[in-house]
Amino acid sequence: MAMRRLKLYTEPEIETVAYSTLPETRGGVQVPLGEVLPLLADAVSSDRTWLKDFADEEITVSSDLYDVLQAYRHFRRPGA
């Protein structure tokens, strides 16, 4: 009888950032927004359950980004 071989899947090599080298702030890690946004957008569009675990988390954004987000919120309302 032929011996069966187990094939293991390993994830493709991806470029990762060593989070230990990024500056820490109050138990968190500073990461570029451009790195986080695509992942969050994909998670939202895929309706990932784990997002609900972080729904009440507070994040810190620059005042410039906050102003832009507030303007975007105002002008994207239906009928605006």
PDB file of N, CA and C in Angstrom:
ATOM      1  N   MET A   1       0.845  -1.165   0.000  1.00  0.00           N
ATOM      2  CA  MET A   1       0.000   0.000   0.000  1.00  0.00           C
ATOM      3  C   MET A   1       0.899   1.240   0.000  1.00  0.00           C
ATOM      4  N   ALA A   2       0.563   2.204  -0.812  1.00  0.00           N
ATOM      5  CA  ALA A   2       1.358   3.434  -0.912  1.00  0.00           C
ATOM      6  C   ALA A   2       1.156   4.290   0.332  1.00  0.00           C
ATOM      7  N   MET A   3       2.239   4.861   0.799  1.00  0.00           N
ATOM      8  CA  MET A   3       2.164   5.717   1.981  1.00  0.00           C
ATOM      9  C   MET A   3       1.621   7.092   1.576  1.00  0.00           C
ATOM     10  N   ARG A   4       0.652   7.583   2.324  1.00  0.00           N
ATOM     11  CA  ARG A   4       0.092   8.904   2.040  1.00  0.00           C
ATOM     12  C   ARG A   4       1.000   9.968   2.637  1.00  0.00           C
ATOM     13  N   ARG A   5       1.096  11.062   1.933  1.00  0.00           N
ATOM     14  CA  ARG A   5       1.926  12.160   2.401  1.00  0.00           C
ATOM     15  C   ARG A   5       1.017  13.319   2.794  1.00  0.00           C
ATOM     16  N   LEU A   6       1.298  13.899   3.906  1.00  0.00           N
ATOM     17  CA  LEU A   6       0.552  15.043   4.391  1.00  0.00           C
ATOM     18  C   LEU A   6       1.173  16.307   3.819  1.00  0.00           C
ATOM     19  N   LYS A   7       0.351  17.107   3.144  1.00  0.00           N
ATOM     20  CA  LYS A   7       0.841  18.367   2.604  1.00  0.00           C
ATOM     21  C   LYS A   7       0.373  19.487   3.515  1.00  0.00           C
ATOM     22  N   LEU A   8       1.303  20.293   3.932  1.00  0.00           N
ATOM     23  CA  LEU A   8       0.969  21.424   4.795  1.00  0.00           C
ATOM     24  C   LEU A   8       0.954  22.698   3.983  1.00  0.00           C
ATOM     25  N   TYR A   9      -0.092  23.490   4.193  1.00  0.00           N
ATOM     26  CA  TYR A   9      -0.173  24.787   3.537  1.00  0.00           C
ATOM     27  C   TYR A   9       0.510  25.815   4.425  1.00  0.00           C
ATOM     28  N   THR A  10       1.398  26.555   3.832  1.00  0.00           N
ATOM     29  CA  THR A  10       1.998  27.678   4.553  1.00  0.00           C
ATOM     30  C   THR A  10       1.606  28.940   3.819  1.00  0.00           C
ATOM     31  N   GLU A  11       1.318  29.962   4.582  1.00  0.00           N
ATOM     32  CA  GLU A  11       0.861  31.199   3.954  1.00  0.00           C
ATOM     33  C   GLU A  11       1.952  31.803   3.084  1.00  0.00           C
ATOM     34  N   PRO A  12       1.555  32.549   2.075  1.00  0.00           N
ATOM     35  CA  PRO A  12       2.560  33.154   1.199  1.00  0.00           C
ATOM     36  C   PRO A  12       3.397  34.171   1.969  1.00  0.00           C
ATOM     37  N   GLU A  13       4.600  34.351   1.512  1.00  0.00           N
ATOM     38  CA  GLU A  13       5.476  35.334   2.136  1.00  0.00           C
ATOM     39  C   GLU A  13       4.912  36.725   1.899  1.00  0.00           C
ATOM     40  N   ILE A  14       4.709  37.464   2.961  1.00  0.00           N
ATOM     41  CA  ILE A  14       4.249  38.838   2.836  1.00  0.00           C
ATOM     42  C   ILE A  14       5.193  39.730   3.620  1.00  0.00           C
ATOM     43  N   GLU A  15       5.284  40.952   3.175  1.00  0.00           N
ATOM     44  CA  GLU A  15       6.145  41.904   3.871  1.00  0.00           C
ATOM     45  C   GLU A  15       5.428  42.354   5.132  1.00  0.00           C
ATOM     46  N   THR A  16       6.079  42.205   6.245  1.00  0.00           N
ATOM     47  CA  THR A  16       5.477  42.613   7.498  1.00  0.00           C
ATOM     48  C   THR A  16       6.361  43.636   8.183  1.00  0.00           C
ATOM     49  N   VAL A  17       5.731  44.420   9.031  1.00  0.00           N
ATOM     50  CA  VAL A  17       6.456  45.414   9.811  1.00  0.00           C
ATOM     51  C   VAL A  17       6.698  44.816  11.178  1.00  0.00           C
ATOM     52  N   ALA A  18       7.898  44.944  11.657  1.00  0.00           N
ATOM     53  CA  ALA A  18       8.195  44.466  13.012  1.00  0.00           C
ATOM     54  C   ALA A  18       7.594  45.460  13.993  1.00  0.00           C
ATOM     55  N   TYR A  19       6.442  45.107  14.552  1.00  0.00           N
ATOM     56  CA  TYR A  19       5.746  46.034  15.428  1.00  0.00           C
ATOM     57  C   TYR A  19       6.567  46.396  16.655  1.00  0.00           C
ATOM     58  N   SER A  20       7.479  45.545  17.022  1.00  0.00           N
ATOM     59  CA  SER A  20       8.300  45.852  18.189  1.00  0.00           C
ATOM     60  C   SER A  20       9.224  47.033  17.919  1.00  0.00           C
ATOM     61  N   THR A  21       9.440  47.378  16.643  1.00  0.00           N
ATOM     62  CA  THR A  21      10.307  48.507  16.320  1.00  0.00           C
ATOM     63  C   THR A  21       9.528  49.809  16.185  1.00  0.00           C
ATOM     64  N   LEU A  22       8.193  49.738  16.208  1.00  0.00           N
ATOM     65  CA  LEU A  22       7.393  50.945  16.101  1.00  0.00           C
ATOM     66  C   LEU A  22       7.203  51.566  17.475  1.00  0.00           C
ATOM     67  N   PRO A  23       7.048  52.902  17.528  1.00  0.00           N
ATOM     68  CA  PRO A  23       6.896  53.560  18.823  1.00  0.00           C
ATOM     69  C   PRO A  23       5.599  53.145  19.522  1.00  0.00           C
ATOM     70  N   GLU A  24       5.706  52.867  20.806  1.00  0.00           N
ATOM     71  CA  GLU A  24       4.531  52.490  21.586  1.00  0.00           C
ATOM     72  C   GLU A  24       3.974  53.711  22.298  1.00  0.00           C
ATOM     73  N   THR A  25       2.651  53.766  22.405  1.00  0.00           N
ATOM     74  CA  THR A  25       1.997  54.836  23.131  1.00  0.00           C
ATOM     75  C   THR A  25       0.907  54.238  24.001  1.00  0.00           C
ATOM     76  N   ARG A  26       0.974  54.447  25.273  1.00  0.00           N
ATOM     77  CA  ARG A  26      -0.034  53.976  26.233  1.00  0.00           C
ATOM     78  C   ARG A  26      -0.528  52.564  25.944  1.00  0.00           C
ATOM     79  N   GLY A  27       0.369  51.636  25.808  1.00  0.00           N
ATOM     80  CA  GLY A  27      -0.018  50.249  25.590  1.00  0.00           C
ATOM     81  C   GLY A  27      -0.426  49.950  24.164  1.00  0.00           C
ATOM     82  N   GLY A  28      -0.282  50.897  23.265  1.00  0.00           N
ATOM     83  CA  GLY A  28      -0.649  50.685  21.869  1.00  0.00           C
ATOM     84  C   GLY A  28       0.574  50.805  20.985  1.00  0.00           C
ATOM     85  N   VAL A  29       0.347  50.731  19.716  1.00  0.00           N
ATOM     86  CA  VAL A  29       1.424  50.819  18.735  1.00  0.00           C
ATOM     87  C   VAL A  29       1.008  51.820  17.670  1.00  0.00           C
ATOM     88  N   GLN A  30       1.914  52.692  17.285  1.00  0.00           N
ATOM     89  CA  GLN A  30       1.630  53.634  16.209  1.00  0.00           C
ATOM     90  C   GLN A  30       1.925  52.959  14.879  1.00  0.00           C
ATOM     91  N   VAL A  31       0.915  52.953  14.000  1.00  0.00           N
ATOM     92  CA  VAL A  31       1.075  52.374  12.673  1.00  0.00           C
ATOM     93  C   VAL A  31       0.550  53.388  11.651  1.00  0.00           C
ATOM     94  N   PRO A  32       1.119  53.379  10.461  1.00  0.00           N
ATOM     95  CA  PRO A  32       0.617  54.280   9.432  1.00  0.00           C
ATOM     96  C   PRO A  32      -0.832  53.951   9.069  1.00  0.00           C
ATOM     97  N   LEU A  33      -1.632  54.973   8.896  1.00  0.00           N
ATOM     98  CA  LEU A  33      -3.039  54.785   8.557  1.00  0.00           C
ATOM     99  C   LEU A  33      -3.189  54.009   7.257  1.00  0.00           C
ATOM    100  N   GLY A  34      -2.282  54.241   6.315  1.00  0.00           N
ATOM    101  CA  GLY A  34      -2.331  53.541   5.037  1.00  0.00           C
ATOM    102  C   GLY A  34      -2.159  52.042   5.168  1.00  0.00           C
ATOM    103  N   GLU A  35      -1.555  51.597   6.256  1.00  0.00           N
ATOM    104  CA  GLU A  35      -1.392  50.159   6.485  1.00  0.00           C
ATOM    105  C   GLU A  35      -2.659  49.552   7.087  1.00  0.00           C
ATOM    106  N   VAL A  36      -3.355  50.340   7.899  1.00  0.00           N
ATOM    107  CA  VAL A  36      -4.530  49.839   8.617  1.00  0.00           C
ATOM    108  C   VAL A  36      -5.802  49.921   7.776  1.00  0.00           C
ATOM    109  N   LEU A  37      -5.957  50.994   7.007  1.00  0.00           N
ATOM    110  CA  LEU A  37      -7.202  51.206   6.269  1.00  0.00           C
ATOM    111  C   LEU A  37      -7.596  50.067   5.337  1.00  0.00           C
ATOM    112  N   PRO A  38      -6.695  49.560   4.502  1.00  0.00           N
ATOM    113  CA  PRO A  38      -7.119  48.460   3.617  1.00  0.00           C
ATOM    114  C   PRO A  38      -7.593  47.234   4.393  1.00  0.00           C
ATOM    115  N   LEU A  39      -6.953  46.961   5.515  1.00  0.00           N
ATOM    116  CA  LEU A  39      -7.353  45.799   6.314  1.00  0.00           C
ATOM    117  C   LEU A  39      -8.724  46.023   6.939  1.00  0.00           C
ATOM    118  N   LEU A  40      -8.957  47.221   7.480  1.00  0.00           N
ATOM    119  CA  LEU A  40     -10.262  47.515   8.070  1.00  0.00           C
ATOM    120  C   LEU A  40     -11.360  47.549   7.011  1.00  0.00           C
ATOM    121  N   ALA A  41     -11.064  48.136   5.852  1.00  0.00           N
ATOM    122  CA  ALA A  41     -12.055  48.188   4.779  1.00  0.00           C
ATOM    123  C   ALA A  41     -12.456  46.776   4.347  1.00  0.00           C
ATOM    124  N   ASP A  42     -11.477  45.890   4.221  1.00  0.00           N
ATOM    125  CA  ASP A  42     -11.767  44.511   3.853  1.00  0.00           C
ATOM    126  C   ASP A  42     -12.577  43.819   4.942  1.00  0.00           C
ATOM    127  N   ALA A  43     -12.226  44.061   6.195  1.00  0.00           N
ATOM    128  CA  ALA A  43     -12.950  43.440   7.310  1.00  0.00           C
ATOM    129  C   ALA A  43     -14.395  43.927   7.362  1.00  0.00           C
ATOM    130  N   VAL A  44     -14.604  45.222   7.100  1.00  0.00           N
ATOM    131  CA  VAL A  44     -15.971  45.767   7.099  1.00  0.00           C
ATOM    132  C   VAL A  44     -16.763  45.184   5.935  1.00  0.00           C
ATOM    133  N   SER A  45     -16.176  45.173   4.743  1.00  0.00           N
ATOM    134  CA  SER A  45     -16.909  44.654   3.586  1.00  0.00           C
ATOM    135  C   SER A  45     -17.182  43.156   3.705  1.00  0.00           C
ATOM    136  N   SER A  46     -16.326  42.448   4.439  1.00  0.00           N
ATOM    137  CA  SER A  46     -16.525  41.013   4.654  1.00  0.00           C
ATOM    138  C   SER A  46     -17.367  40.726   5.892  1.00  0.00           C
ATOM    139  N   ASP A  47     -17.781  41.798   6.579  1.00  0.00           N
ATOM    140  CA  ASP A  47     -18.606  41.690   7.793  1.00  0.00           C
ATOM    141  C   ASP A  47     -17.980  40.741   8.816  1.00  0.00           C
ATOM    142  N   ARG A  48     -16.717  40.977   9.114  1.00  0.00           N
ATOM    143  CA  ARG A  48     -15.999  40.136  10.075  1.00  0.00           C
ATOM    144  C   ARG A  48     -16.524  40.354  11.490  1.00  0.00           C
ATOM    145  N   THR A  49     -16.782  39.281  12.175  1.00  0.00           N
ATOM    146  CA  THR A  49     -17.349  39.328  13.516  1.00  0.00           C
ATOM    147  C   THR A  49     -16.426  40.015  14.511  1.00  0.00           C
ATOM    148  N   TRP A  50     -15.128  39.846  14.364  1.00  0.00           N
ATOM    149  CA  TRP A  50     -14.195  40.382  15.349  1.00  0.00           C
ATOM    150  C   TRP A  50     -14.226  41.901  15.417  1.00  0.00           C
ATOM    151  N   LEU A  51     -14.762  42.569  14.385  1.00  0.00           N
ATOM    152  CA  LEU A  51     -14.857  44.025  14.439  1.00  0.00           C
ATOM    153  C   LEU A  51     -15.738  44.485  15.593  1.00  0.00           C
ATOM    154  N   LYS A  52     -16.758  43.700  15.907  1.00  0.00           N
ATOM    155  CA  LYS A  52     -17.657  44.059  17.019  1.00  0.00           C
ATOM    156  C   LYS A  52     -16.915  44.072  18.350  1.00  0.00           C
ATOM    157  N   ASP A  53     -15.875  43.266  18.469  1.00  0.00           N
ATOM    158  CA  ASP A  53     -15.087  43.236  19.699  1.00  0.00           C
ATOM    159  C   ASP A  53     -14.389  44.566  19.959  1.00  0.00           C
ATOM    160  N   PHE A  54     -14.138  45.317  18.895  1.00  0.00           N
ATOM    161  CA  PHE A  54     -13.396  46.562  19.028  1.00  0.00           C
ATOM    162  C   PHE A  54     -14.257  47.796  18.775  1.00  0.00           C
ATOM    163  N   ALA A  55     -15.549  47.633  18.659  1.00  0.00           N
ATOM    164  CA  ALA A  55     -16.445  48.739  18.318  1.00  0.00           C
ATOM    165  C   ALA A  55     -16.394  49.877  19.336  1.00  0.00           C
ATOM    166  N   ASP A  56     -16.125  49.574  20.592  1.00  0.00           N
ATOM    167  CA  ASP A  56     -16.087  50.607  21.624  1.00  0.00           C
ATOM    168  C   ASP A  56     -14.681  51.106  21.935  1.00  0.00           C
ATOM    169  N   GLU A  57     -13.700  50.629  21.177  1.00  0.00           N
ATOM    170  CA  GLU A  57     -12.320  51.074  21.378  1.00  0.00           C
ATOM    171  C   GLU A  57     -12.191  52.538  20.974  1.00  0.00           C
ATOM    172  N   GLU A  58     -11.409  53.285  21.728  1.00  0.00           N
ATOM    173  CA  GLU A  58     -11.127  54.657  21.358  1.00  0.00           C
ATOM    174  C   GLU A  58      -9.807  54.700  20.605  1.00  0.00           C
ATOM    175  N   ILE A  59      -9.765  55.515  19.559  1.00  0.00           N
ATOM    176  CA  ILE A  59      -8.539  55.690  18.797  1.00  0.00           C
ATOM    177  C   ILE A  59      -8.189  57.175  18.807  1.00  0.00           C
ATOM    178  N   THR A  60      -6.959  57.478  18.543  1.00  0.00           N
ATOM    179  CA  THR A  60      -6.508  58.857  18.466  1.00  0.00           C
ATOM    180  C   THR A  60      -6.202  59.178  17.013  1.00  0.00           C
ATOM    181  N   VAL A  61      -6.792  60.266  16.524  1.00  0.00           N
ATOM    182  CA  VAL A  61      -6.520  60.726  15.169  1.00  0.00           C
ATOM    183  C   VAL A  61      -6.068  62.179  15.250  1.00  0.00           C
ATOM    184  N   SER A  62      -5.357  62.612  14.240  1.00  0.00           N
ATOM    185  CA  SER A  62      -4.910  64.008  14.223  1.00  0.00           C
ATOM    186  C   SER A  62      -6.122  64.920  14.069  1.00  0.00           C
ATOM    187  N   SER A  63      -5.977  66.159  14.494  1.00  0.00           N
ATOM    188  CA  SER A  63      -7.093  67.095  14.391  1.00  0.00           C
ATOM    189  C   SER A  63      -7.450  67.358  12.929  1.00  0.00           C
ATOM    190  N   ASP A  64      -6.452  67.348  12.044  1.00  0.00           N
ATOM    191  CA  ASP A  64      -6.728  67.529  10.611  1.00  0.00           C
ATOM    192  C   ASP A  64      -7.605  66.400  10.079  1.00  0.00           C
ATOM    193  N   LEU A  65      -7.252  65.172  10.400  1.00  0.00           N
ATOM    194  CA  LEU A  65      -8.039  64.032   9.934  1.00  0.00           C
ATOM    195  C   LEU A  65      -9.432  64.075  10.534  1.00  0.00           C
ATOM    196  N   TYR A  66      -9.545  64.451  11.793  1.00  0.00           N
ATOM    197  CA  TYR A  66     -10.853  64.552  12.437  1.00  0.00           C
ATOM    198  C   TYR A  66     -11.733  65.568  11.704  1.00  0.00           C
ATOM    199  N   ASP A  67     -11.175  66.724  11.356  1.00  0.00           N
ATOM    200  CA  ASP A  67     -11.935  67.750  10.625  1.00  0.00           C
ATOM    201  C   ASP A  67     -12.410  67.225   9.275  1.00  0.00           C
ATOM    202  N   VAL A  68     -11.538  66.526   8.569  1.00  0.00           N
ATOM    203  CA  VAL A  68     -11.906  65.967   7.273  1.00  0.00           C
ATOM    204  C   VAL A  68     -13.011  64.927   7.438  1.00  0.00           C
ATOM    205  N   LEU A  69     -12.902  64.082   8.441  1.00  0.00           N
ATOM    206  CA  LEU A  69     -13.922  63.059   8.676  1.00  0.00           C
ATOM    207  C   LEU A  69     -15.269  63.689   9.029  1.00  0.00           C
ATOM    208  N   GLN A  70     -15.248  64.748   9.825  1.00  0.00           N
ATOM    209  CA  GLN A  70     -16.497  65.426  10.182  1.00  0.00           C
ATOM    210  C   GLN A  70     -17.138  66.059   8.950  1.00  0.00           C
ATOM    211  N   ALA A  71     -16.344  66.684   8.104  1.00  0.00           N
ATOM    212  CA  ALA A  71     -16.872  67.271   6.877  1.00  0.00           C
ATOM    213  C   ALA A  71     -17.433  66.181   5.972  1.00  0.00           C
ATOM    214  N   TYR A  72     -16.711  65.073   5.863  1.00  0.00           N
ATOM    215  CA  TYR A  72     -17.179  63.957   5.037  1.00  0.00           C
ATOM    216  C   TYR A  72     -18.508  63.425   5.570  1.00  0.00           C
ATOM    217  N   ARG A  73     -18.602  63.268   6.871  1.00  0.00           N
ATOM    218  CA  ARG A  73     -19.844  62.788   7.488  1.00  0.00           C
ATOM    219  C   ARG A  73     -20.991  63.734   7.155  1.00  0.00           C
ATOM    220  N   HIS A  74     -20.746  65.023   7.243  1.00  0.00           N
ATOM    221  CA  HIS A  74     -21.789  66.014   6.988  1.00  0.00           C
ATOM    222  C   HIS A  74     -22.267  65.962   5.535  1.00  0.00           C
ATOM    223  N   PHE A  75     -21.336  65.897   4.588  1.00  0.00           N
ATOM    224  CA  PHE A  75     -21.707  65.986   3.183  1.00  0.00           C
ATOM    225  C   PHE A  75     -22.137  64.665   2.558  1.00  0.00           C
ATOM    226  N   ARG A  76     -21.946  63.559   3.239  1.00  0.00           N
ATOM    227  CA  ARG A  76     -22.371  62.290   2.653  1.00  0.00           C
ATOM    228  C   ARG A  76     -23.779  61.904   3.072  1.00  0.00           C
ATOM    229  N   ARG A  77     -24.373  62.704   3.945  1.00  0.00           N
ATOM    230  CA  ARG A  77     -25.750  62.421   4.365  1.00  0.00           C
ATOM    231  C   ARG A  77     -26.681  62.460   3.160  1.00  0.00           C
ATOM    232  N   PRO A  78     -27.652  61.556   3.109  1.00  0.00           N
ATOM    233  CA  PRO A  78     -28.606  61.572   1.990  1.00  0.00           C
ATOM    234  C   PRO A  78     -29.339  62.918   1.947  1.00  0.00           C
ATOM    235  N   GLY A  79     -29.443  63.459   0.764  1.00  0.00           N
ATOM    236  CA  GLY A  79     -30.140  64.728   0.594  1.00  0.00           C
ATOM    237  C   GLY A  79     -29.283  65.941   0.888  1.00  0.00           C
ATOM    238  N   ALA A  80     -28.002  65.737   1.235  1.00  0.00           N
ATOM    239  CA  ALA A  80     -27.149  66.885   1.540  1.00  0.00           C
ATOM    240  C   ALA A  80     -26.530  67.432   0.281  1.00  0.00           C
TER     241      ALA A  80
END
